[in-house]
Structure formats: structure tokens, C-alpha cells
Protein backbone atom coordinates (compact mmCIF):
# COMPACT_ATOMS: atom_id res chain seq x y z
CA MET A 1 13.97 -3.81 4.08
CA ASP A 2 10.71 -2.05 3.25
CA GLY A 3 9.07 -5.23 1.99
CA LEU A 4 10.26 -7.23 4.96
CA ARG A 5 8.95 -4.56 7.35
CA LYS A 6 5.55 -4.63 5.65
CA ALA A 7 5.46 -8.45 5.96
CA ILE A 8 6.29 -8.29 9.62
CA GLU A 9 3.59 -5.68 10.21
CA ALA A 10 1.00 -7.66 8.18
CA ALA A 11 1.73 -10.81 10.18
CA GLY A 12 1.35 -9.03 13.48
CA GLY A 13 5.04 -8.94 14.40
CA GLY A 14 8.23 -10.81 13.78
CA ALA A 15 7.40 -13.64 16.19
CA GLU A 16 4.12 -14.27 14.44
CA LEU A 17 5.71 -14.20 11.02
CA ALA A 18 8.30 -16.68 12.27
CA ARG A 19 5.57 -18.94 13.63
CA ARG A 20 3.72 -18.91 10.28
CA LEU A 21 6.94 -19.71 8.43
CA ASN A 22 8.01 -22.34 10.96
CA VAL A 23 11.38 -20.63 11.58
CA ARG A 24 12.93 -19.14 14.72
CA ARG A 25 12.07 -15.51 15.25
CA GLN A 26 15.77 -14.68 15.40
CA ALA A 27 15.97 -15.71 11.74
CA ILE A 28 13.43 -13.04 10.82
CA TYR A 29 15.40 -10.30 12.59
CA GLN A 30 18.65 -11.40 10.90
CA TRP A 31 17.25 -10.93 7.42
CA ARG A 32 18.07 -7.64 5.71
CA GLU A 33 15.51 -8.44 3.02
CA VAL A 34 13.19 -11.32 2.26
CA PRO A 35 15.26 -14.33 1.16
CA PRO A 36 14.48 -15.29 -2.45
CA LEU A 37 13.37 -18.78 -1.48
CA ARG A 38 10.90 -17.39 1.07
CA VAL A 39 9.16 -14.76 -1.08
CA LEU A 40 6.24 -16.83 -2.29
CA GLU A 41 5.63 -18.35 1.11
CA ILE A 42 5.64 -14.93 2.78
CA GLU A 43 3.33 -13.61 0.10
CA ARG A 44 0.96 -16.49 0.85
CA VAL A 45 0.91 -16.01 4.65
CA THR A 46 0.84 -12.22 4.69
CA GLY A 47 -0.89 -11.15 1.50
CA ILE A 48 1.97 -8.79 0.70
CA SER A 49 2.74 -8.99 -3.02
CA ARG A 50 6.02 -10.49 -4.21
CA HIS A 51 6.48 -7.25 -6.11
CA VAL A 52 6.57 -5.40 -2.79
CA LEU A 53 8.62 -7.99 -0.99
CA ARG A 54 11.38 -8.19 -3.62
CA PRO A 55 10.95 -5.70 -6.47
CA ASP A 56 14.57 -6.36 -7.44
CA LEU A 57 13.51 -9.92 -8.36
CA TYR A 58 9.89 -9.49 -9.51
CA GLY A 59 9.90 -5.92 -10.72
CA PRO A 60 7.17 -3.42 -10.02
CA ALA A 61 3.61 -4.59 -9.61
CA PRO A 62 1.85 -4.91 -12.97
CA SER A 63 -0.57 -2.13 -13.74
CA PRO A 64 -4.21 -3.17 -13.98
CA LEU A 65 -5.58 -3.35 -17.50
CA PRO A 66 -7.65 -0.31 -18.36
CA GLN A 67 -11.38 -0.92 -18.38
CA GLU A 68 -13.03 -0.62 -21.72
CA THR A 69 -15.74 1.97 -21.82
CA ALA A 70 -19.14 1.10 -23.20
CA ALA A 71 -19.90 2.80 -26.49
């Protein structure tokens, strides 16, 4: 639920997330987690990473590659 909660907050509320996804707001509040077929769309409209939305499907966010130091 944490990823869904973050998506709702990022969108400005459940009604706004529903509007952006073109679904009824009741659908948003019935979800216990982001549905797998909605992850990429929610990532696009909210900016919340798929790794945060559904870590069970996408795993943890990849670590940034270390910067090489100049010699």
C-alpha cells in the first residue's frame, strides 16, 4: 500500500489520480496495491518509480553506477 499511497499523494489525491488514469475514483480506493497493468501508467503520470509502486514485481530500485574518479 505504501507505493499506492505515494502515488495518490504525488497526484494530489485519489480523485486527481483517478482523473489522470481515466478511472472512477472509487476504483483507486478499492485497490490494496497498484494493479500490475497500471504500474507503468501510474509511474508516467506521477513520477513515482515502478520500483516503489510494486517492488514485488520490479525489485528494488537499481543503485546508481559509481562515478569514476579522475586520476
